[in-house]
Amino acid sequence: MSDAMINPSVYELKKRTGDRYSLVVITSKRAREIIDGDEPLVNIKSNKALTIAINEVNEDKVEFEKVDEGIK
């Protein structure tokens, strides 16, 4: 499966979040905040909350903490 059709690409977004799981959690939580009434932090043409959240992550507008929990 290629990530080339998604803009921004999953590969680029993973660089910011660390892994796909974190990317999904961060963008879905932010999308829920937008649905619940938070103002978008980026100006894009889309009205879709998830698309807005993905672009916010891509532009470093969303704050989150990376946690490194090694497997024990």
PDB file of N, CA and C in Angstrom:
ATOM      1  N   MET A   1       0.843  -1.181   0.000  1.00  0.00           N
ATOM      2  CA  MET A   1       0.000   0.000   0.000  1.00  0.00           C
ATOM      3  C   MET A   1       0.880   1.231   0.000  1.00  0.00           C
ATOM      4  N   SER A   2       0.583   2.150  -0.866  1.00  0.00           N
ATOM      5  CA  SER A   2       1.373   3.366  -0.990  1.00  0.00           C
ATOM      6  C   SER A   2       0.701   4.502  -0.233  1.00  0.00           C
ATOM      7  N   ASP A   3       1.522   5.308   0.436  1.00  0.00           N
ATOM      8  CA  ASP A   3       1.008   6.478   1.142  1.00  0.00           C
ATOM      9  C   ASP A   3       1.056   7.723   0.262  1.00  0.00           C
ATOM     10  N   ALA A   4       1.434   7.576  -1.007  1.00  0.00           N
ATOM     11  CA  ALA A   4       1.682   8.709  -1.884  1.00  0.00           C
ATOM     12  C   ALA A   4       0.425   9.502  -2.243  1.00  0.00           C
ATOM     13  N   MET A   5      -0.752   8.899  -2.174  1.00  0.00           N
ATOM     14  CA  MET A   5      -1.960   9.588  -2.592  1.00  0.00           C
ATOM     15  C   MET A   5      -2.526  10.500  -1.515  1.00  0.00           C
ATOM     16  N   ILE A   6      -2.089  10.350  -0.302  1.00  0.00           N
ATOM     17  CA  ILE A   6      -2.600  11.163   0.796  1.00  0.00           C
ATOM     18  C   ILE A   6      -1.700  12.384   0.938  1.00  0.00           C
ATOM     19  N   ASN A   7      -2.312  13.541   1.053  1.00  0.00           N
ATOM     20  CA  ASN A   7      -1.536  14.755   1.227  1.00  0.00           C
ATOM     21  C   ASN A   7      -2.000  15.469   2.484  1.00  0.00           C
ATOM     22  N   PRO A   8      -1.211  15.623   3.498  1.00  0.00           N
ATOM     23  CA  PRO A   8       0.172  15.176   3.620  1.00  0.00           C
ATOM     24  C   PRO A   8       0.248  13.658   3.767  1.00  0.00           C
ATOM     25  N   SER A   9       1.395  13.110   3.416  1.00  0.00           N
ATOM     26  CA  SER A   9       1.539  11.656   3.423  1.00  0.00           C
ATOM     27  C   SER A   9       1.614  11.109   4.847  1.00  0.00           C
ATOM     28  N   VAL A  10       1.204   9.880   4.998  1.00  0.00           N
ATOM     29  CA  VAL A  10       1.278   9.205   6.292  1.00  0.00           C
ATOM     30  C   VAL A  10       2.731   9.137   6.748  1.00  0.00           C
ATOM     31  N   TYR A  11       3.639   8.943   5.799  1.00  0.00           N
ATOM     32  CA  TYR A  11       5.068   8.882   6.120  1.00  0.00           C
ATOM     33  C   TYR A  11       5.523  10.191   6.778  1.00  0.00           C
ATOM     34  N   GLU A  12       5.134  11.321   6.217  1.00  0.00           N
ATOM     35  CA  GLU A  12       5.510  12.618   6.786  1.00  0.00           C
ATOM     36  C   GLU A  12       4.849  12.841   8.144  1.00  0.00           C
ATOM     37  N   LEU A  13       3.599  12.445   8.278  1.00  0.00           N
ATOM     38  CA  LEU A  13       2.889  12.610   9.542  1.00  0.00           C
ATOM     39  C   LEU A  13       3.488  11.731  10.637  1.00  0.00           C
ATOM     40  N   LYS A  14       3.924  10.514  10.256  1.00  0.00           N
ATOM     41  CA  LYS A  14       4.546   9.612  11.237  1.00  0.00           C
ATOM     42  C   LYS A  14       5.837  10.202  11.786  1.00  0.00           C
ATOM     43  N   LYS A  15       6.546  10.984  10.984  1.00  0.00           N
ATOM     44  CA  LYS A  15       7.759  11.646  11.463  1.00  0.00           C
ATOM     45  C   LYS A  15       7.433  12.582  12.625  1.00  0.00           C
ATOM     46  N   ARG A  16       6.263  13.181  12.590  1.00  0.00           N
ATOM     47  CA  ARG A  16       5.863  14.136  13.629  1.00  0.00           C
ATOM     48  C   ARG A  16       5.329  13.441  14.881  1.00  0.00           C
ATOM     49  N   THR A  17       4.608  12.331  14.682  1.00  0.00           N
ATOM     50  CA  THR A  17       3.942  11.679  15.812  1.00  0.00           C
ATOM     51  C   THR A  17       4.690  10.473  16.353  1.00  0.00           C
ATOM     52  N   GLY A  18       5.558   9.872  15.550  1.00  0.00           N
ATOM     53  CA  GLY A  18       6.336   8.728  16.007  1.00  0.00           C
ATOM     54  C   GLY A  18       5.903   7.404  15.415  1.00  0.00           C
ATOM     55  N   ASP A  19       4.602   7.176  15.305  1.00  0.00           N
ATOM     56  CA  ASP A  19       4.106   5.920  14.736  1.00  0.00           C
ATOM     57  C   ASP A  19       2.664   6.087  14.289  1.00  0.00           C
ATOM     58  N   ARG A  20       2.159   5.093  13.561  1.00  0.00           N
ATOM     59  CA  ARG A  20       0.783   5.174  13.026  1.00  0.00           C
ATOM     60  C   ARG A  20      -0.268   5.194  14.135  1.00  0.00           C
ATOM     61  N   TYR A  21      -0.051   4.411  15.167  1.00  0.00           N
ATOM     62  CA  TYR A  21      -1.028   4.368  16.260  1.00  0.00           C
ATOM     63  C   TYR A  21      -1.180   5.751  16.878  1.00  0.00           C
ATOM     64  N   SER A  22      -0.075   6.387  17.194  1.00  0.00           N
ATOM     65  CA  SER A  22      -0.130   7.729  17.787  1.00  0.00           C
ATOM     66  C   SER A  22      -0.790   8.719  16.835  1.00  0.00           C
ATOM     67  N   LEU A  23      -0.486   8.592  15.555  1.00  0.00           N
ATOM     68  CA  LEU A  23      -1.105   9.466  14.554  1.00  0.00           C
ATOM     69  C   LEU A  23      -2.624   9.331  14.576  1.00  0.00           C
ATOM     70  N   VAL A  24      -3.102   8.106  14.621  1.00  0.00           N
ATOM     71  CA  VAL A  24      -4.552   7.859  14.642  1.00  0.00           C
ATOM     72  C   VAL A  24      -5.178   8.434  15.909  1.00  0.00           C
ATOM     73  N   VAL A  25      -4.553   8.207  17.053  1.00  0.00           N
ATOM     74  CA  VAL A  25      -5.105   8.689  18.315  1.00  0.00           C
ATOM     75  C   VAL A  25      -5.130  10.216  18.349  1.00  0.00           C
ATOM     76  N   ILE A  26      -4.029  10.839  17.963  1.00  0.00           N
ATOM     77  CA  ILE A  26      -3.930  12.303  18.008  1.00  0.00           C
ATOM     78  C   ILE A  26      -4.933  12.951  17.062  1.00  0.00           C
ATOM     79  N   THR A  27      -4.984  12.475  15.823  1.00  0.00           N
ATOM     80  CA  THR A  27      -5.892  13.106  14.859  1.00  0.00           C
ATOM     81  C   THR A  27      -7.355  12.830  15.183  1.00  0.00           C
ATOM     82  N   SER A  28      -7.667  11.646  15.686  1.00  0.00           N
ATOM     83  CA  SER A  28      -9.069  11.361  16.007  1.00  0.00           C
ATOM     84  C   SER A  28      -9.537  12.167  17.215  1.00  0.00           C
ATOM     85  N   LYS A  29      -8.674  12.323  18.213  1.00  0.00           N
ATOM     86  CA  LYS A  29      -9.056  13.149  19.371  1.00  0.00           C
ATOM     87  C   LYS A  29      -9.239  14.604  18.960  1.00  0.00           C
ATOM     88  N   ARG A  30      -8.335  15.099  18.118  1.00  0.00           N
ATOM     89  CA  ARG A  30      -8.458  16.491  17.665  1.00  0.00           C
ATOM     90  C   ARG A  30      -9.691  16.662  16.788  1.00  0.00           C
ATOM     91  N   ALA A  31      -9.988  15.700  15.930  1.00  0.00           N
ATOM     92  CA  ALA A  31     -11.187  15.773  15.093  1.00  0.00           C
ATOM     93  C   ALA A  31     -12.439  15.830  15.967  1.00  0.00           C
ATOM     94  N   ARG A  32     -12.467  15.052  17.036  1.00  0.00           N
ATOM     95  CA  ARG A  32     -13.607  15.073  17.956  1.00  0.00           C
ATOM     96  C   ARG A  32     -13.752  16.446  18.601  1.00  0.00           C
ATOM     97  N   GLU A  33     -12.637  17.084  18.966  1.00  0.00           N
ATOM     98  CA  GLU A  33     -12.681  18.437  19.542  1.00  0.00           C
ATOM     99  C   GLU A  33     -13.259  19.432  18.540  1.00  0.00           C
ATOM    100  N   ILE A  34     -12.887  19.293  17.278  1.00  0.00           N
ATOM    101  CA  ILE A  34     -13.408  20.184  16.238  1.00  0.00           C
ATOM    102  C   ILE A  34     -14.902  19.950  16.056  1.00  0.00           C
ATOM    103  N   ILE A  35     -15.327  18.697  16.023  1.00  0.00           N
ATOM    104  CA  ILE A  35     -16.750  18.370  15.907  1.00  0.00           C
ATOM    105  C   ILE A  35     -17.532  18.957  17.080  1.00  0.00           C
ATOM    106  N   ASP A  36     -16.931  18.928  18.260  1.00  0.00           N
ATOM    107  CA  ASP A  36     -17.591  19.441  19.460  1.00  0.00           C
ATOM    108  C   ASP A  36     -17.544  20.966  19.580  1.00  0.00           C
ATOM    109  N   GLY A  37     -16.941  21.652  18.593  1.00  0.00           N
ATOM    110  CA  GLY A  37     -17.021  23.102  18.574  1.00  0.00           C
ATOM    111  C   GLY A  37     -15.719  23.878  18.622  1.00  0.00           C
ATOM    112  N   ASP A  38     -14.582  23.223  18.805  1.00  0.00           N
ATOM    113  CA  ASP A  38     -13.301  23.944  18.792  1.00  0.00           C
ATOM    114  C   ASP A  38     -13.058  24.538  17.408  1.00  0.00           C
ATOM    115  N   GLU A  39     -12.437  25.697  17.399  1.00  0.00           N
ATOM    116  CA  GLU A  39     -12.102  26.352  16.137  1.00  0.00           C
ATOM    117  C   GLU A  39     -10.904  25.653  15.494  1.00  0.00           C
ATOM    118  N   PRO A  40     -10.927  25.459  14.182  1.00  0.00           N
ATOM    119  CA  PRO A  40      -9.766  24.896  13.497  1.00  0.00           C
ATOM    120  C   PRO A  40      -8.553  25.815  13.650  1.00  0.00           C
ATOM    121  N   LEU A  41      -7.374  25.219  13.718  1.00  0.00           N
ATOM    122  CA  LEU A  41      -6.137  25.973  13.881  1.00  0.00           C
ATOM    123  C   LEU A  41      -5.440  26.219  12.547  1.00  0.00           C
ATOM    124  N   VAL A  42      -6.014  25.725  11.457  1.00  0.00           N
ATOM    125  CA  VAL A  42      -5.482  25.937  10.119  1.00  0.00           C
ATOM    126  C   VAL A  42      -6.604  26.404   9.205  1.00  0.00           C
ATOM    127  N   ASN A  43      -6.225  27.056   8.134  1.00  0.00           N
ATOM    128  CA  ASN A  43      -7.206  27.534   7.167  1.00  0.00           C
ATOM    129  C   ASN A  43      -7.082  26.691   5.903  1.00  0.00           C
ATOM    130  N   ILE A  44      -7.988  25.725   5.750  1.00  0.00           N
ATOM    131  CA  ILE A  44      -8.007  24.879   4.555  1.00  0.00           C
ATOM    132  C   ILE A  44      -9.422  24.859   3.997  1.00  0.00           C
ATOM    133  N   LYS A  45      -9.569  24.384   2.778  1.00  0.00           N
ATOM    134  CA  LYS A  45     -10.870  24.397   2.105  1.00  0.00           C
ATOM    135  C   LYS A  45     -11.836  23.333   2.612  1.00  0.00           C
ATOM    136  N   SER A  46     -11.333  22.295   3.251  1.00  0.00           N
ATOM    137  CA  SER A  46     -12.176  21.182   3.686  1.00  0.00           C
ATOM    138  C   SER A  46     -12.973  21.531   4.942  1.00  0.00           C
ATOM    139  N   ASN A  47     -14.166  20.964   5.036  1.00  0.00           N
ATOM    140  CA  ASN A  47     -14.992  21.090   6.239  1.00  0.00           C
ATOM    141  C   ASN A  47     -14.946  19.827   7.081  1.00  0.00           C
ATOM    142  N   LYS A  48     -14.206  18.826   6.631  1.00  0.00           N
ATOM    143  CA  LYS A  48     -14.145  17.548   7.333  1.00  0.00           C
ATOM    144  C   LYS A  48     -13.194  17.659   8.519  1.00  0.00           C
ATOM    145  N   ALA A  49     -13.696  17.292   9.698  1.00  0.00           N
ATOM    146  CA  ALA A  49     -12.930  17.442  10.937  1.00  0.00           C
ATOM    147  C   ALA A  49     -11.626  16.652  10.902  1.00  0.00           C
ATOM    148  N   LEU A  50     -11.647  15.450  10.369  1.00  0.00           N
ATOM    149  CA  LEU A  50     -10.426  14.640  10.336  1.00  0.00           C
ATOM    150  C   LEU A  50      -9.388  15.241   9.395  1.00  0.00           C
ATOM    151  N   THR A  51      -9.825  15.746   8.257  1.00  0.00           N
ATOM    152  CA  THR A  51      -8.900  16.397   7.316  1.00  0.00           C
ATOM    153  C   THR A  51      -8.273  17.623   7.956  1.00  0.00           C
ATOM    154  N   ILE A  52      -9.063  18.385   8.667  1.00  0.00           N
ATOM    155  CA  ILE A  52      -8.545  19.564   9.370  1.00  0.00           C
ATOM    156  C   ILE A  52      -7.534  19.134  10.425  1.00  0.00           C
ATOM    157  N   ALA A  53      -7.868  18.106  11.201  1.00  0.00           N
ATOM    158  CA  ALA A  53      -6.969  17.623  12.252  1.00  0.00           C
ATOM    159  C   ALA A  53      -5.649  17.125  11.674  1.00  0.00           C
ATOM    160  N   ILE A  54      -5.700  16.413  10.565  1.00  0.00           N
ATOM    161  CA  ILE A  54      -4.484  15.921   9.918  1.00  0.00           C
ATOM    162  C   ILE A  54      -3.605  17.091   9.490  1.00  0.00           C
ATOM    163  N   ASN A  55      -4.210  18.117   8.931  1.00  0.00           N
ATOM    164  CA  ASN A  55      -3.437  19.283   8.512  1.00  0.00           C
ATOM    165  C   ASN A  55      -2.893  20.055   9.702  1.00  0.00           C
ATOM    166  N   GLU A  56      -3.614  20.073  10.801  1.00  0.00           N
ATOM    167  CA  GLU A  56      -3.103  20.714  12.010  1.00  0.00           C
ATOM    168  C   GLU A  56      -1.863  19.989  12.531  1.00  0.00           C
ATOM    169  N   VAL A  57      -1.887  18.676  12.522  1.00  0.00           N
ATOM    170  CA  VAL A  57      -0.715  17.894  12.939  1.00  0.00           C
ATOM    171  C   VAL A  57       0.443  18.170  11.990  1.00  0.00           C
ATOM    172  N   ASN A  58       0.164  18.193  10.702  1.00  0.00           N
ATOM    173  CA  ASN A  58       1.205  18.426   9.705  1.00  0.00           C
ATOM    174  C   ASN A  58       1.868  19.794   9.883  1.00  0.00           C
ATOM    175  N   GLU A  59       1.104  20.781  10.305  1.00  0.00           N
ATOM    176  CA  GLU A  59       1.631  22.135  10.477  1.00  0.00           C
ATOM    177  C   GLU A  59       2.060  22.414  11.922  1.00  0.00           C
ATOM    178  N   ASP A  60       2.186  21.371  12.724  1.00  0.00           N
ATOM    179  CA  ASP A  60       2.626  21.494  14.133  1.00  0.00           C
ATOM    180  C   ASP A  60       1.750  22.441  14.950  1.00  0.00           C
ATOM    181  N   LYS A  61       0.451  22.440  14.688  1.00  0.00           N
ATOM    182  CA  LYS A  61      -0.484  23.298  15.422  1.00  0.00           C
ATOM    183  C   LYS A  61      -1.095  22.578  16.620  1.00  0.00           C
ATOM    184  N   VAL A  62      -0.953  21.260  16.680  1.00  0.00           N
ATOM    185  CA  VAL A  62      -1.533  20.460  17.755  1.00  0.00           C
ATOM    186  C   VAL A  62      -0.416  20.046  18.704  1.00  0.00           C
ATOM    187  N   GLU A  63      -0.636  20.296  19.990  1.00  0.00           N
ATOM    188  CA  GLU A  63       0.356  19.902  20.981  1.00  0.00           C
ATOM    189  C   GLU A  63       0.014  18.515  21.519  1.00  0.00           C
ATOM    190  N   PHE A  64       1.032  17.683  21.643  1.00  0.00           N
ATOM    191  CA  PHE A  64       0.871  16.358  22.228  1.00  0.00           C
ATOM    192  C   PHE A  64       2.206  15.939  22.796  1.00  0.00           C
ATOM    193  N   GLU A  65       2.149  14.987  23.694  1.00  0.00           N
ATOM    194  CA  GLU A  65       3.368  14.509  24.339  1.00  0.00           C
ATOM    195  C   GLU A  65       3.676  13.105  23.847  1.00  0.00           C
ATOM    196  N   LYS A  66       4.903  12.915  23.378  1.00  0.00           N
ATOM    197  CA  LYS A  66       5.337  11.583  22.968  1.00  0.00           C
ATOM    198  C   LYS A  66       5.760  10.826  24.222  1.00  0.00           C
ATOM    199  N   VAL A  67       5.223   9.646  24.382  1.00  0.00           N
ATOM    200  CA  VAL A  67       5.566   8.805  25.528  1.00  0.00           C
ATOM    201  C   VAL A  67       6.267   7.560  25.001  1.00  0.00           C
ATOM    202  N   ASP A  68       7.437   7.307  25.534  1.00  0.00           N
ATOM    203  CA  ASP A  68       8.194   6.129  25.118  1.00  0.00           C
ATOM    204  C   ASP A  68       8.083   5.081  26.197  1.00  0.00           C
ATOM    205  N   GLU A  69       7.160   4.163  26.001  1.00  0.00           N
ATOM    206  CA  GLU A  69       6.965   3.089  26.964  1.00  0.00           C
ATOM    207  C   GLU A  69       7.528   1.817  26.355  1.00  0.00           C
ATOM    208  N   GLY A  70       8.727   1.479  26.736  1.00  0.00           N
ATOM    209  CA  GLY A  70       9.365   0.276  26.212  1.00  0.00           C
ATOM    210  C   GLY A  70       8.640  -0.975  26.667  1.00  0.00           C
ATOM    211  N   ILE A  71       8.699  -1.987  25.863  1.00  0.00           N
ATOM    212  CA  ILE A  71       8.077  -3.264  26.207  1.00  0.00           C
ATOM    213  C   ILE A  71       8.923  -3.943  27.266  1.00  0.00           C
ATOM    214  N   LYS A  72       8.285  -4.401  28.311  1.00  0.00           N
ATOM    215  CA  LYS A  72       9.007  -5.020  29.414  1.00  0.00           C
ATOM    216  C   LYS A  72       8.798  -6.504  29.427  1.00  0.00           C
TER     217      LYS A  72
END
